[in-house]
C-alpha atoms as a PDB file:
ATOM      1  CA  MET A   1     -96.973  41.225-156.000  1.00  0.00           C
ATOM      2  CA  SER A   2     -94.525  42.414-153.379  1.00  0.00           C
ATOM      3  CA  ASP A   3     -93.512  39.895-150.682  1.00  0.00           C
ATOM      4  CA  THR A   4     -94.398  42.516-148.054  1.00  0.00           C
ATOM      5  CA  LEU A   5     -98.093  42.447-148.970  1.00  0.00           C
ATOM      6  CA  PRO A   6    -100.433  40.011-147.223  1.00  0.00           C
ATOM      7  CA  LEU A   7    -101.759  36.986-149.068  1.00  0.00           C
ATOM      8  CA  THR A   8    -105.240  37.577-147.667  1.00  0.00           C
ATOM      9  CA  MET A   9    -107.330  40.603-146.727  1.00  0.00           C
ATOM     10  CA  LYS A  10    -110.681  41.479-145.204  1.00  0.00           C
ATOM     11  CA  ALA A  11    -113.536  42.418-147.537  1.00  0.00           C
ATOM     12  CA  ALA A  12    -117.211  43.217-147.008  1.00  0.00           C
ATOM     13  CA  VAL A  13    -118.861  40.674-149.290  1.00  0.00           C
ATOM     14  CA  CYS A  14    -122.483  40.664-150.440  1.00  0.00           C
ATOM     15  CA  PRO A  15    -123.125  36.918-150.830  1.00  0.00           C
ATOM     16  CA  ALA A  16    -126.391  37.230-152.781  1.00  0.00           C
ATOM     17  CA  PRO A  17    -128.987  39.852-153.772  1.00  0.00           C
ATOM     18  CA  GLY A  18    -130.868  40.967-150.666  1.00  0.00           C
ATOM     19  CA  ALA A  19    -128.357  39.443-148.236  1.00  0.00           C
ATOM     20  CA  PRO A  20    -126.472  41.450-145.594  1.00  0.00           C
ATOM     21  CA  LEU A  21    -122.776  42.130-146.114  1.00  0.00           C
ATOM     22  CA  GLU A  22    -120.340  39.726-144.474  1.00  0.00           C
ATOM     23  CA  ILE A  23    -116.779  40.570-143.427  1.00  0.00           C
ATOM     24  CA  ARG A  24    -114.740  37.740-144.935  1.00  0.00           C
ATOM     25  CA  GLU A  25    -111.071  36.843-145.244  1.00  0.00           C
ATOM     26  CA  VAL A  26    -110.368  36.588-148.979  1.00  0.00           C
ATOM     27  CA  ALA A  27    -107.317  36.466-151.234  1.00  0.00           C
ATOM     28  CA  THR A  28    -105.584  39.793-151.756  1.00  0.00           C
ATOM     29  CA  PRO A  29    -106.018  40.606-155.468  1.00  0.00           C
ATOM     30  CA  THR A  30    -102.988  40.466-157.736  1.00  0.00           C
ATOM     31  CA  PRO A  31    -102.718  43.330-160.242  1.00  0.00           C
ATOM     32  CA  GLY A  32    -102.933  42.081-163.803  1.00  0.00           C
ATOM     33  CA  ALA A  33    -101.623  43.664-166.979  1.00  0.00           C
ATOM     34  CA  GLY A  34    -102.148  47.428-166.904  1.00  0.00           C
ATOM     35  CA  GLN A  35    -103.457  47.431-163.329  1.00  0.00           C
ATOM     36  CA  VAL A  36    -102.320  48.800-159.973  1.00  0.00           C
ATOM     37  CA  LEU A  37    -103.153  47.549-156.484  1.00  0.00           C
ATOM     38  CA  VAL A  38    -104.414  50.072-153.940  1.00  0.00           C
ATOM     39  CA  ARG A  39    -104.454  49.832-150.144  1.00  0.00           C
ATOM     40  CA  LEU A  40    -107.659  51.547-149.056  1.00  0.00           C
ATOM     41  CA  GLU A  41    -107.662  54.363-146.510  1.00  0.00           C
ATOM     42  CA  THR A  42    -111.332  55.319-146.802  1.00  0.00           C
ATOM     43  CA  CYS A  43    -114.448  54.481-148.804  1.00  0.00           C
ATOM     44  CA  GLY A  44    -117.734  56.361-148.897  1.00  0.00           C
ATOM     45  CA  VAL A  45    -121.004  54.507-148.359  1.00  0.00           C
ATOM     46  CA  CYS A  46    -123.482  55.368-151.122  1.00  0.00           C
ATOM     47  CA  HIS A  47    -127.199  54.782-151.732  1.00  0.00           C
ATOM     48  CA  SER A  48    -126.194  52.837-154.852  1.00  0.00           C
ATOM     49  CA  ASP A  49    -124.442  50.343-152.541  1.00  0.00           C
ATOM     50  CA  LEU A  50    -127.722  50.001-150.629  1.00  0.00           C
ATOM     51  CA  HIS A  51    -129.663  49.332-153.833  1.00  0.00           C
ATOM     52  CA  LEU A  52    -127.106  46.735-154.898  1.00  0.00           C
ATOM     53  CA  ARG A  53    -127.087  45.004-151.504  1.00  0.00           C
ATOM     54  CA  ASP A  54    -130.868  44.882-151.411  1.00  0.00           C
ATOM     55  CA  GLY A  55    -131.117  43.416-154.928  1.00  0.00           C
ATOM     56  CA  GLN A  56    -132.919  46.408-156.422  1.00  0.00           C
ATOM     57  CA  GLU A  57    -130.668  46.642-159.492  1.00  0.00           C
ATOM     58  CA  ASN A  58    -131.596  43.154-160.782  1.00  0.00           C
ATOM     59  CA  LEU A  59    -128.004  42.064-161.291  1.00  0.00           C
ATOM     60  CA  PRO A  60    -127.378  38.548-162.576  1.00  0.00           C
ATOM     61  CA  GLU A  61    -126.868  36.145-159.672  1.00  0.00           C
ATOM     62  CA  SER A  62    -123.578  35.159-161.310  1.00  0.00           C
ATOM     63  CA  TYR A  63    -122.160  38.533-160.162  1.00  0.00           C
ATOM     64  CA  TYR A  64    -122.338  37.388-156.547  1.00  0.00           C
ATOM     65  CA  PRO A  65    -120.595  37.036-154.129  1.00  0.00           C
ATOM     66  CA  LEU A  66    -119.698  40.685-154.748  1.00  0.00           C
ATOM     67  CA  VAL A  67    -117.583  43.315-152.990  1.00  0.00           C
ATOM     68  CA  LEU A  68    -119.427  46.659-153.152  1.00  0.00           C
ATOM     69  CA  GLY A  69    -118.012  50.189-152.752  1.00  0.00           C
ATOM     70  CA  HIS A  70    -117.149  52.877-155.319  1.00  0.00           C
ATOM     71  CA  GLU A  71    -115.988  55.929-153.348  1.00  0.00           C
ATOM     72  CA  GLY A  72    -112.568  54.639-152.363  1.00  0.00           C
ATOM     73  CA  ILE A  73    -109.356  56.523-151.649  1.00  0.00           C
ATOM     74  CA  GLY A  74    -106.049  54.789-151.061  1.00  0.00           C
ATOM     75  CA  ARG A  75    -102.395  54.531-152.023  1.00  0.00           C
ATOM     76  CA  ILE A  76    -100.843  52.428-154.769  1.00  0.00           C
ATOM     77  CA  VAL A  77     -98.833  49.568-153.285  1.00  0.00           C
ATOM     78  CA  ALA A  78     -98.081  47.429-156.349  1.00  0.00           C
ATOM     79  CA  HIS A  79     -97.967  47.589-160.160  1.00  0.00           C
ATOM     80  CA  GLY A  80     -98.953  44.851-162.560  1.00  0.00           C
ATOM     81  CA  PRO A  81     -97.073  44.232-165.806  1.00  0.00           C
ATOM     82  CA  GLY A  82     -97.422  46.802-168.577  1.00  0.00           C
ATOM     83  CA  THR A  83     -97.977  49.815-166.320  1.00  0.00           C
ATOM     84  CA  LYS A  84     -95.117  51.980-167.544  1.00  0.00           C
ATOM     85  CA  GLY A  85     -96.049  55.584-166.909  1.00  0.00           C
ATOM     86  CA  ALA A  86     -98.540  54.691-164.176  1.00  0.00           C
ATOM     87  CA  PRO A  87     -98.570  56.725-160.942  1.00  0.00           C
ATOM     88  CA  ALA A  88     -95.734  55.734-158.608  1.00  0.00           C
ATOM     89  CA  ILE A  89     -95.963  53.467-155.583  1.00  0.00           C
ATOM     90  CA  GLY A  90     -97.332  55.547-152.711  1.00  0.00           C
ATOM     91  CA  THR A  91     -99.462  57.818-154.902  1.00  0.00           C
ATOM     92  CA  ARG A  92    -102.940  58.430-153.482  1.00  0.00           C
ATOM     93  CA  ILE A  93    -105.666  57.787-156.071  1.00  0.00           C
ATOM     94  CA  GLY A  94    -109.445  57.495-156.191  1.00  0.00           C
ATOM     95  CA  LEU A  95    -111.546  54.422-156.928  1.00  0.00           C
ATOM     96  CA  PRO A  96    -114.845  55.774-158.329  1.00  0.00           C
ATOM     97  CA  TRP A  97    -117.893  54.141-159.943  1.00  0.00           C
ATOM     98  CA  ILE A  98    -116.377  53.682-163.402  1.00  0.00           C
ATOM     99  CA  PHE A  99    -113.819  50.862-163.334  1.00  0.00           C
ATOM    100  CA  ASP A 100    -112.973  50.938-167.040  1.00  0.00           C
ATOM    101  CA  THR A 101    -114.418  51.444-170.534  1.00  0.00           C
ATOM    102  CA  CYS A 102    -113.533  50.340-174.058  1.00  0.00           C
ATOM    103  CA  LEU A 103    -111.667  53.641-174.729  1.00  0.00           C
ATOM    104  CA  ALA A 104    -112.440  53.307-178.462  1.00  0.00           C
ATOM    105  CA  CYS A 105    -116.150  54.053-179.021  1.00  0.00           C
ATOM    106  CA  LYS A 106    -117.574  57.495-179.852  1.00  0.00           C
ATOM    107  CA  PRO A 107    -118.613  58.314-176.250  1.00  0.00           C
ATOM    108  CA  CYS A 108    -115.136  57.350-174.988  1.00  0.00           C
ATOM    109  CA  MET A 109    -113.416  59.346-177.728  1.00  0.00           C
ATOM    110  CA  THR A 110    -115.508  62.479-177.100  1.00  0.00           C
ATOM    111  CA  GLY A 111    -115.235  62.739-173.309  1.00  0.00           C
ATOM    112  CA  HIS A 112    -118.481  60.888-172.519  1.00  0.00           C
ATOM    113  CA  GLU A 113    -116.993  57.588-171.364  1.00  0.00           C
ATOM    114  CA  VAL A 114    -119.740  57.062-168.760  1.00  0.00           C
ATOM    115  CA  LEU A 115    -122.047  56.306-171.736  1.00  0.00           C
ATOM    116  CA  CYS A 116    -119.752  53.608-173.139  1.00  0.00           C
ATOM    117  CA  ALA A 117    -121.812  50.490-173.822  1.00  0.00           C
ATOM    118  CA  GLU A 118    -118.934  48.328-172.568  1.00  0.00           C
ATOM    119  CA  ASN A 119    -118.149  50.252-169.376  1.00  0.00           C
ATOM    120  CA  THR A 120    -117.774  48.257-166.179  1.00  0.00           C
ATOM    121  CA  ALA A 121    -118.566  49.619-162.733  1.00  0.00           C
ATOM    122  CA  ARG A 122    -116.720  49.128-159.469  1.00  0.00           C
ATOM    123  CA  GLY A 123    -118.911  47.142-157.102  1.00  0.00           C
ATOM    124  CA  VAL A 124    -121.027  45.792-159.982  1.00  0.00           C
ATOM    125  CA  GLN A 125    -119.162  43.897-162.726  1.00  0.00           C
ATOM    126  CA  LYS A 126    -115.890  44.353-160.800  1.00  0.00           C
ATOM    127  CA  HIS A 127    -115.193  43.982-157.094  1.00  0.00           C
ATOM    128  CA  GLY A 128    -115.288  47.305-155.291  1.00  0.00           C
ATOM    129  CA  ALA A 129    -113.601  49.194-152.474  1.00  0.00           C
ATOM    130  CA  PHE A 130    -115.324  47.803-149.361  1.00  0.00           C
ATOM    131  CA  ALA A 131    -112.059  45.949-148.837  1.00  0.00           C
ATOM    132  CA  GLU A 132    -108.550  46.484-147.512  1.00  0.00           C
ATOM    133  CA  TYR A 133    -107.114  46.271-151.052  1.00  0.00           C
ATOM    134  CA  ALA A 134    -108.614  46.818-154.516  1.00  0.00           C
ATOM    135  CA  LEU A 135    -107.551  46.931-158.147  1.00  0.00           C
ATOM    136  CA  CYS A 136    -107.595  49.891-160.532  1.00  0.00           C
ATOM    137  CA  PRO A 137    -106.644  50.051-164.227  1.00  0.00           C
ATOM    138  CA  ALA A 138    -103.620  52.343-164.424  1.00  0.00           C
ATOM    139  CA  SER A 139    -105.253  54.308-167.250  1.00  0.00           C
ATOM    140  CA  PHE A 140    -108.198  55.085-164.940  1.00  0.00           C
ATOM    141  CA  ALA A 141    -106.098  56.143-161.946  1.00  0.00           C
ATOM    142  CA  VAL A 142    -107.018  59.717-160.948  1.00  0.00           C
ATOM    143  CA  GLN A 143    -104.681  61.265-158.383  1.00  0.00           C
ATOM    144  CA  ILE A 144    -106.133  62.800-155.221  1.00  0.00           C
ATOM    145  CA  PRO A 145    -104.757  66.319-154.605  1.00  0.00           C
ATOM    146  CA  ASP A 146    -102.814  66.794-151.373  1.00  0.00           C
ATOM    147  CA  GLY A 147    -105.337  69.379-150.174  1.00  0.00           C
ATOM    148  CA  ILE A 148    -108.154  66.815-149.946  1.00  0.00           C
ATOM    149  CA  ASP A 149    -108.639  64.884-146.714  1.00  0.00           C
ATOM    150  CA  PRO A 150    -109.231  61.176-147.512  1.00  0.00           C
ATOM    151  CA  LEU A 151    -112.247  60.899-145.194  1.00  0.00           C
ATOM    152  CA  LYS A 152    -114.067  63.994-146.416  1.00  0.00           C
ATOM    153  CA  GLY A 153    -112.818  63.421-149.951  1.00  0.00           C
ATOM    154  CA  ALA A 154    -114.097  59.885-150.529  1.00  0.00           C
ATOM    155  CA  PRO A 155    -117.769  60.884-151.111  1.00  0.00           C
ATOM    156  CA  LEU A 156    -116.572  63.378-153.717  1.00  0.00           C
ATOM    157  CA  LEU A 157    -115.820  60.431-156.033  1.00  0.00           C
ATOM    158  CA  CYS A 158    -119.522  59.660-156.577  1.00  0.00           C
ATOM    159  CA  ALA A 159    -121.895  61.981-154.715  1.00  0.00           C
ATOM    160  CA  GLY A 160    -119.862  65.116-155.332  1.00  0.00           C
ATOM    161  CA  LEU A 161    -118.828  64.154-158.863  1.00  0.00           C
ATOM    162  CA  THR A 162    -122.431  63.386-159.811  1.00  0.00           C
ATOM    163  CA  ALA A 163    -123.528  66.869-158.729  1.00  0.00           C
ATOM    164  CA  TRP A 164    -120.506  68.474-160.456  1.00  0.00           C
ATOM    165  CA  SER A 165    -121.092  66.655-163.750  1.00  0.00           C
ATOM    166  CA  ALA A 166    -124.813  67.472-163.770  1.00  0.00           C
ATOM    167  CA  LEU A 167    -124.194  71.190-163.201  1.00  0.00           C
ATOM    168  CA  ARG A 168    -121.412  71.214-165.786  1.00  0.00           C
ATOM    169  CA  LYS A 169    -123.918  70.115-168.456  1.00  0.00           C
ATOM    170  CA  THR A 170    -126.224  73.068-167.765  1.00  0.00           C
ATOM    171  CA  ARG A 171    -126.095  76.709-168.825  1.00  0.00           C
ATOM    172  CA  ILE A 172    -125.211  77.857-165.312  1.00  0.00           C
ATOM    173  CA  GLU A 173    -123.506  81.202-164.826  1.00  0.00           C
ATOM    174  CA  ALA A 174    -123.349  83.892-162.168  1.00  0.00           C
ATOM    175  CA  GLY A 175    -126.895  84.927-161.255  1.00  0.00           C
ATOM    176  CA  THR A 176    -128.573  81.781-162.596  1.00  0.00           C
ATOM    177  CA  ASN A 177    -131.511  80.586-160.481  1.00  0.00           C
ATOM    178  CA  VAL A 178    -130.804  76.948-159.617  1.00  0.00           C
ATOM    179  CA  LEU A 179    -133.419  74.681-158.034  1.00  0.00           C
ATOM    180  CA  ILE A 180    -132.038  71.649-156.158  1.00  0.00           C
ATOM    181  CA  ILE A 181    -134.735  69.023-155.554  1.00  0.00           C
ATOM    182  CA  GLY A 182    -133.648  66.763-152.704  1.00  0.00           C
ATOM    183  CA  ALA A 183    -131.337  68.184-150.035  1.00  0.00           C
ATOM    184  CA  GLY A 184    -129.614  64.948-149.006  1.00  0.00           C
ATOM    185  CA  GLY A 185    -125.914  64.289-149.574  1.00  0.00           C
ATOM    186  CA  LEU A 186    -125.884  64.784-153.371  1.00  0.00           C
ATOM    187  CA  GLY A 187    -128.114  67.836-153.141  1.00  0.00           C
ATOM    188  CA  GLN A 188    -125.838  69.347-150.507  1.00  0.00           C
ATOM    189  CA  TYR A 189    -122.820  69.048-152.803  1.00  0.00           C
ATOM    190  CA  ALA A 190    -124.877  70.611-155.612  1.00  0.00           C
ATOM    191  CA  ILE A 191    -125.811  73.570-153.380  1.00  0.00           C
ATOM    192  CA  LEU A 192    -122.174  74.243-152.521  1.00  0.00           C
ATOM    193  CA  ILE A 193    -120.921  73.870-156.100  1.00  0.00           C
ATOM    194  CA  ALA A 194    -123.680  76.074-157.532  1.00  0.00           C
ATOM    195  CA  LYS A 195    -123.062  78.767-154.904  1.00  0.00           C
ATOM    196  CA  ALA A 196    -119.323  78.697-155.642  1.00  0.00           C
ATOM    197  CA  ARG A 197    -120.199  79.346-159.286  1.00  0.00           C
ATOM    198  CA  GLY A 198    -122.246  82.421-158.395  1.00  0.00           C
ATOM    199  CA  ALA A 199    -125.747  80.976-158.731  1.00  0.00           C
ATOM    200  CA  ARG A 200    -128.800  81.787-156.624  1.00  0.00           C
ATOM    201  CA  VAL A 201    -129.915  78.478-155.104  1.00  0.00           C
ATOM    202  CA  THR A 202    -133.310  77.257-153.916  1.00  0.00           C
ATOM    203  CA  ALA A 203    -133.475  73.894-152.123  1.00  0.00           C
ATOM    204  CA  LEU A 204    -136.664  71.815-152.139  1.00  0.00           C
ATOM    205  CA  ASP A 205    -137.235  68.893-149.783  1.00  0.00           C
ATOM    206  CA  ARG A 206    -140.061  67.405-147.719  1.00  0.00           C
ATOM    207  CA  ASP A 207    -137.822  67.084-144.641  1.00  0.00           C
ATOM    208  CA  PRO A 208    -137.557  70.340-142.623  1.00  0.00           C
ATOM    209  CA  ALA A 209    -134.270  69.159-141.061  1.00  0.00           C
ATOM    210  CA  LYS A 210    -132.685  68.795-144.499  1.00  0.00           C
ATOM    211  CA  LEU A 211    -133.926  72.235-145.463  1.00  0.00           C
ATOM    212  CA  LYS A 212    -132.234  73.661-142.361  1.00  0.00           C
ATOM    213  CA  THR A 213    -129.014  71.973-143.428  1.00  0.00           C
ATOM    214  CA  ALA A 214    -129.415  73.401-146.933  1.00  0.00           C
ATOM    215  CA  GLU A 215    -129.843  76.872-145.460  1.00  0.00           C
ATOM    216  CA  ALA A 216    -126.731  76.431-143.317  1.00  0.00           C
ATOM    217  CA  LEU A 217    -124.776  75.448-146.445  1.00  0.00           C
ATOM    218  CA  GLY A 218    -125.748  78.689-148.157  1.00  0.00           C
ATOM    219  CA  ALA A 219    -129.012  78.046-150.014  1.00  0.00           C
ATOM    220  CA  ASP A 220    -130.644  81.414-150.706  1.00  0.00           C
ATOM    221  CA  ALA A 221    -134.144  80.005-150.240  1.00  0.00           C
ATOM    222  CA  THR A 222    -135.717  76.754-149.029  1.00  0.00           C
ATOM    223  CA  VAL A 223    -139.171  75.427-149.898  1.00  0.00           C
ATOM    224  CA  GLU A 224    -140.974  72.450-148.386  1.00  0.00           C
ATOM    225  CA  ALA A 225    -142.138  69.986-151.038  1.00  0.00           C
ATOM    226  CA  GLY A 226    -145.868  69.657-151.582  1.00  0.00           C
ATOM    227  CA  GLU A 227    -148.831  71.322-153.224  1.00  0.00           C
ATOM    228  CA  GLY A 228    -148.088  74.876-154.274  1.00  0.00           C
ATOM    229  CA  ALA A 229    -144.299  74.521-153.993  1.00  0.00           C
ATOM    230  CA  GLY A 230    -143.733  75.191-157.698  1.00  0.00           C
ATOM    231  CA  ALA A 231    -145.830  78.360-157.666  1.00  0.00           C
ATOM    232  CA  GLN A 232    -143.932  79.551-154.569  1.00  0.00           C
ATOM    233  CA  ILE A 233    -140.596  79.039-156.340  1.00  0.00           C
ATOM    234  CA  LYS A 234    -141.856  80.817-159.472  1.00  0.00           C
ATOM    235  CA  ALA A 235    -143.002  83.784-157.358  1.00  0.00           C
ATOM    236  CA  GLN A 236    -139.479  84.012-155.923  1.00  0.00           C
ATOM    237  CA  GLY A 237    -137.882  84.291-159.370  1.00  0.00           C
ATOM    238  CA  GLY A 238    -138.394  80.815-160.816  1.00  0.00           C
ATOM    239  CA  ALA A 239    -135.777  78.279-161.841  1.00  0.00           C
ATOM    240  CA  ASP A 240    -133.405  78.485-164.804  1.00  0.00           C
ATOM    241  CA  VAL A 241    -131.716  75.195-163.899  1.00  0.00           C
ATOM    242  CA  VAL A 242    -133.302  72.246-162.070  1.00  0.00           C
ATOM    243  CA  LEU A 243    -131.388  69.283-160.660  1.00  0.00           C
ATOM    244  CA  ASN A 244    -133.559  66.425-159.416  1.00  0.00           C
ATOM    245  CA  PHE A 245    -132.075  64.174-156.731  1.00  0.00           C
ATOM    246  CA  ALA A 246    -135.474  62.984-155.418  1.00  0.00           C
ATOM    247  CA  PRO A 247    -136.340  59.441-156.584  1.00  0.00           C
ATOM    248  CA  SER A 248    -140.030  60.120-157.236  1.00  0.00           C
ATOM    249  CA  PRO A 249    -142.139  61.099-160.258  1.00  0.00           C
ATOM    250  CA  ALA A 250    -144.253  63.248-157.899  1.00  0.00           C
ATOM    251  CA  ILE A 251    -141.842  66.160-158.339  1.00  0.00           C
ATOM    252  CA  TRP A 252    -142.794  66.783-161.971  1.00  0.00           C
ATOM    253  CA  ASP A 253    -145.773  69.053-161.261  1.00  0.00           C
ATOM    254  CA  THR A 254    -143.475  71.213-159.123  1.00  0.00           C
ATOM    255  CA  VAL A 255    -140.882  71.385-161.902  1.00  0.00           C
ATOM    256  CA  GLU A 256    -143.454  72.448-164.513  1.00  0.00           C
ATOM    257  CA  ALA A 257    -144.773  75.208-162.258  1.00  0.00           C
ATOM    258  CA  ALA A 258    -141.363  76.448-161.097  1.00  0.00           C
ATOM    259  CA  VAL A 259    -139.282  76.807-164.264  1.00  0.00           C
ATOM    260  CA  ASN A 260    -138.585  79.913-166.309  1.00  0.00           C
ATOM    261  CA  PRO A 261    -138.477  79.797-170.126  1.00  0.00           C
ATOM    262  CA  MET A 262    -135.513  77.909-171.617  1.00  0.00           C
ATOM    263  CA  ALA A 263    -134.812  76.025-168.381  1.00  0.00           C
ATOM    264  CA  ASP A 264    -132.343  73.144-168.120  1.00  0.00           C
ATOM    265  CA  ILE A 265    -133.893  70.213-166.228  1.00  0.00           C
ATOM    266  CA  VAL A 266    -131.469  67.446-165.266  1.00  0.00           C
ATOM    267  CA  ALA A 267    -132.644  63.991-164.172  1.00  0.00           C
ATOM    268  CA  ILE A 268    -130.153  62.415-161.744  1.00  0.00           C
ATOM    269  CA  ALA A 269    -132.233  60.413-159.257  1.00  0.00           C
ATOM    270  CA  MET A 270    -133.124  56.894-160.351  1.00  0.00           C
ATOM    271  CA  VAL A 271    -136.853  57.227-161.101  1.00  0.00           C
ATOM    272  CA  HIS A 272    -138.158  54.112-162.839  1.00  0.00           C
ATOM    273  CA  ASP A 273    -141.775  55.270-163.162  1.00  0.00           C
ATOM    274  CA  PRO A 274    -142.792  57.520-166.079  1.00  0.00           C
ATOM    275  CA  MET A 275    -143.163  61.289-165.712  1.00  0.00           C
ATOM    276  CA  PRO A 276    -146.150  63.182-167.224  1.00  0.00           C
ATOM    277  CA  LEU A 277    -144.029  65.253-169.618  1.00  0.00           C
ATOM    278  CA  SER A 278    -146.110  67.406-171.979  1.00  0.00           C
ATOM    279  CA  MET A 279    -144.579  67.930-175.404  1.00  0.00           C
ATOM    280  CA  MET A 280    -146.457  71.239-175.782  1.00  0.00           C
ATOM    281  CA  TRP A 281    -145.058  72.453-172.443  1.00  0.00           C
ATOM    282  CA  LEU A 282    -141.600  71.496-173.690  1.00  0.00           C
ATOM    283  CA  ILE A 283    -142.057  73.272-177.022  1.00  0.00           C
ATOM    284  CA  ASP A 284    -143.735  76.392-175.660  1.00  0.00           C
ATOM    285  CA  GLY A 285    -141.099  76.829-172.945  1.00  0.00           C
ATOM    286  CA  GLY A 286    -138.046  75.955-175.015  1.00  0.00           C
ATOM    287  CA  HIS A 287    -136.801  73.734-172.184  1.00  0.00           C
ATOM    288  CA  ARG A 288    -134.038  71.121-172.244  1.00  0.00           C
ATOM    289  CA  VAL A 289    -134.650  67.900-170.288  1.00  0.00           C
ATOM    290  CA  PHE A 290    -131.776  65.427-170.052  1.00  0.00           C
ATOM    291  CA  GLY A 291    -130.117  62.897-167.801  1.00  0.00           C
ATOM    292  CA  SER A 292    -126.751  62.820-166.063  1.00  0.00           C
ATOM    293  CA  SER A 293    -124.891  60.057-164.263  1.00  0.00           C
ATOM    294  CA  VAL A 294    -121.573  60.136-162.344  1.00  0.00           C
ATOM    295  CA  GLY A 295    -118.687  61.634-164.355  1.00  0.00           C
ATOM    296  CA  SER A 296    -115.635  60.966-166.500  1.00  0.00           C
ATOM    297  CA  ARG A 297    -111.970  60.831-165.472  1.00  0.00           C
ATOM    298  CA  ALA A 298    -111.438  64.332-166.831  1.00  0.00           C
ATOM    299  CA  GLU A 299    -114.434  65.653-164.899  1.00  0.00           C
ATOM    300  CA  LEU A 300    -113.213  63.939-161.730  1.00  0.00           C
ATOM    301  CA  ALA A 301    -109.740  65.458-162.051  1.00  0.00           C
ATOM    302  CA  ASP A 302    -111.233  68.917-162.640  1.00  0.00           C
ATOM    303  CA  PHE A 303    -113.670  68.524-159.754  1.00  0.00           C
ATOM    304  CA  LEU A 304    -110.996  67.383-157.302  1.00  0.00           C
ATOM    305  CA  THR A 305    -108.891  70.421-158.223  1.00  0.00           C
ATOM    306  CA  PHE A 306    -111.949  72.598-157.593  1.00  0.00           C
ATOM    307  CA  ALA A 307    -112.739  70.858-154.282  1.00  0.00           C
ATOM    308  CA  ALA A 308    -109.164  71.268-153.066  1.00  0.00           C
ATOM    309  CA  ALA A 309    -109.490  75.019-153.617  1.00  0.00           C
ATOM    310  CA  HIS A 310    -113.116  75.244-152.412  1.00  0.00           C
ATOM    311  CA  PRO A 311    -113.577  72.817-149.472  1.00  0.00           C
ATOM    312  CA  LEU A 312    -117.144  71.483-149.537  1.00  0.00           C
ATOM    313  CA  ALA A 313    -118.551  71.488-146.011  1.00  0.00           C
ATOM    314  CA  VAL A 314    -120.888  68.485-146.278  1.00  0.00           C
ATOM    315  CA  ASP A 315    -121.019  66.539-143.011  1.00  0.00           C
ATOM    316  CA  VAL A 316    -119.111  63.241-143.389  1.00  0.00           C
ATOM    317  CA  GLN A 317    -119.387  60.715-140.565  1.00  0.00           C
ATOM    318  CA  ALA A 318    -116.709  58.064-140.141  1.00  0.00           C
ATOM    319  CA  VAL A 319    -117.765  54.433-139.631  1.00  0.00           C
ATOM    320  CA  ARG A 320    -115.715  51.345-138.844  1.00  0.00           C
ATOM    321  CA  PHE A 321    -115.136  48.881-141.664  1.00  0.00           C
ATOM    322  CA  GLU A 322    -116.807  46.159-139.595  1.00  0.00           C
ATOM    323  CA  ASP A 323    -119.960  48.318-139.352  1.00  0.00           C
ATOM    324  CA  VAL A 324    -120.480  48.886-143.080  1.00  0.00           C
ATOM    325  CA  ASP A 325    -123.646  46.768-143.274  1.00  0.00           C
ATOM    326  CA  ALA A 326    -125.117  48.704-140.355  1.00  0.00           C
ATOM    327  CA  ALA A 327    -124.170  51.906-142.182  1.00  0.00           C
ATOM    328  CA  LEU A 328    -126.246  50.758-145.167  1.00  0.00           C
ATOM    329  CA  ASP A 329    -129.151  50.124-142.786  1.00  0.00           C
ATOM    330  CA  ARG A 330    -128.781  53.701-141.525  1.00  0.00           C
ATOM    331  CA  LEU A 331    -129.043  54.974-145.087  1.00  0.00           C
ATOM    332  CA  LYS A 332    -132.153  52.873-145.585  1.00  0.00           C
ATOM    333  CA  SER A 333    -133.808  54.336-142.493  1.00  0.00           C
ATOM    334  CA  GLY A 334    -132.958  57.924-143.480  1.00  0.00           C
ATOM    335  CA  ASP A 335    -130.813  58.355-140.363  1.00  0.00           C
ATOM    336  CA  VAL A 336    -127.956  60.196-142.102  1.00  0.00           C
ATOM    337  CA  LYS A 337    -127.464  63.961-142.115  1.00  0.00           C
ATOM    338  CA  GLY A 338    -124.811  64.080-144.843  1.00  0.00           C
ATOM    339  CA  ARG A 339    -122.570  61.184-145.937  1.00  0.00           C
ATOM    340  CA  LEU A 340    -121.065  58.102-144.304  1.00  0.00           C
ATOM    341  CA  CYS A 341    -117.494  56.973-144.936  1.00  0.00           C
ATOM    342  CA  ILE A 342    -115.507  53.908-143.897  1.00  0.00           C
ATOM    343  CA  ASP A 343    -112.280  54.792-142.110  1.00  0.00           C
ATOM    344  CA  PHE A 344    -110.026  51.750-142.451  1.00  0.00           C
ATOM    345  CA  THR A 345    -107.839  52.964-139.586  1.00  0.00           C
ATOM    346  CA  GLN A 346    -110.721  52.625-137.091  1.00  0.00           C
ATOM    347  CA  ARG A 347    -110.957  49.273-135.358  1.00  0.00           C
END
């Protein structure tokens, strides 16, 4: 490590499942073989961080104390050994959910590395980006285009990428009717991406304020969740593609009533309870139902190129690093219009 780098840094540490984050002085990590060290400029604050802090992901206690954060943007400040060909010192890169994978299994070899059985996640098995410095394998370093602002760009690494990857798996084309269930941060990115691809978008949410935001972002129609919502959507042309960002099995009746034949239905929200899926409904309608989670390095690079050319106007609020635990509390209370992002320059 360079002599100009500090021996210690500040990190927001989760000491145990269910415990609030603590700002601690810890050793600055040293990049190992094949790794680079990144000085963080920004890091988005995601609902997954909230679930991890609150102990809802049932991680082994041996993972703690743990540094969360997986929407980081920063510049490379040091190389470890064996990083020939890595991005140069000063290059701005992203630190997303996927830390690394085996690179050798069938999913890794076919562009589906997020399904690698040996993948490790930033802020889960590996320390994340709620810190002044963080590590990244050089082979997983994705450069941030110059046209992307670090503050507005950080949430693209998870929230935006998740929406992008889900839509990419569908049969979307110009004129496709897309139903976005859940008009929070991820749903807002999905609205903007789908509109940029020429789709007609309907947003469904139980919160009228979020529906107003969806309308302002360009949704062609908005529908309040509840009884009769599916029939209302079907009467307006139905849905050819459905993306579900609402973490509730209660949406399934709406989906069944809303979709057109041969619909693509993508599960993205973490719904642990079973859905009442009818096999005859599936067969008679010729539907495809599948899951999608975050995205690969190739998808991230493609998405960032797209986002640089098509700025995505989701509201991103800056928060101080010292206030990251309070930011998670705001997410928990629902007091967030779009996305929250740590700005490491704010003190």
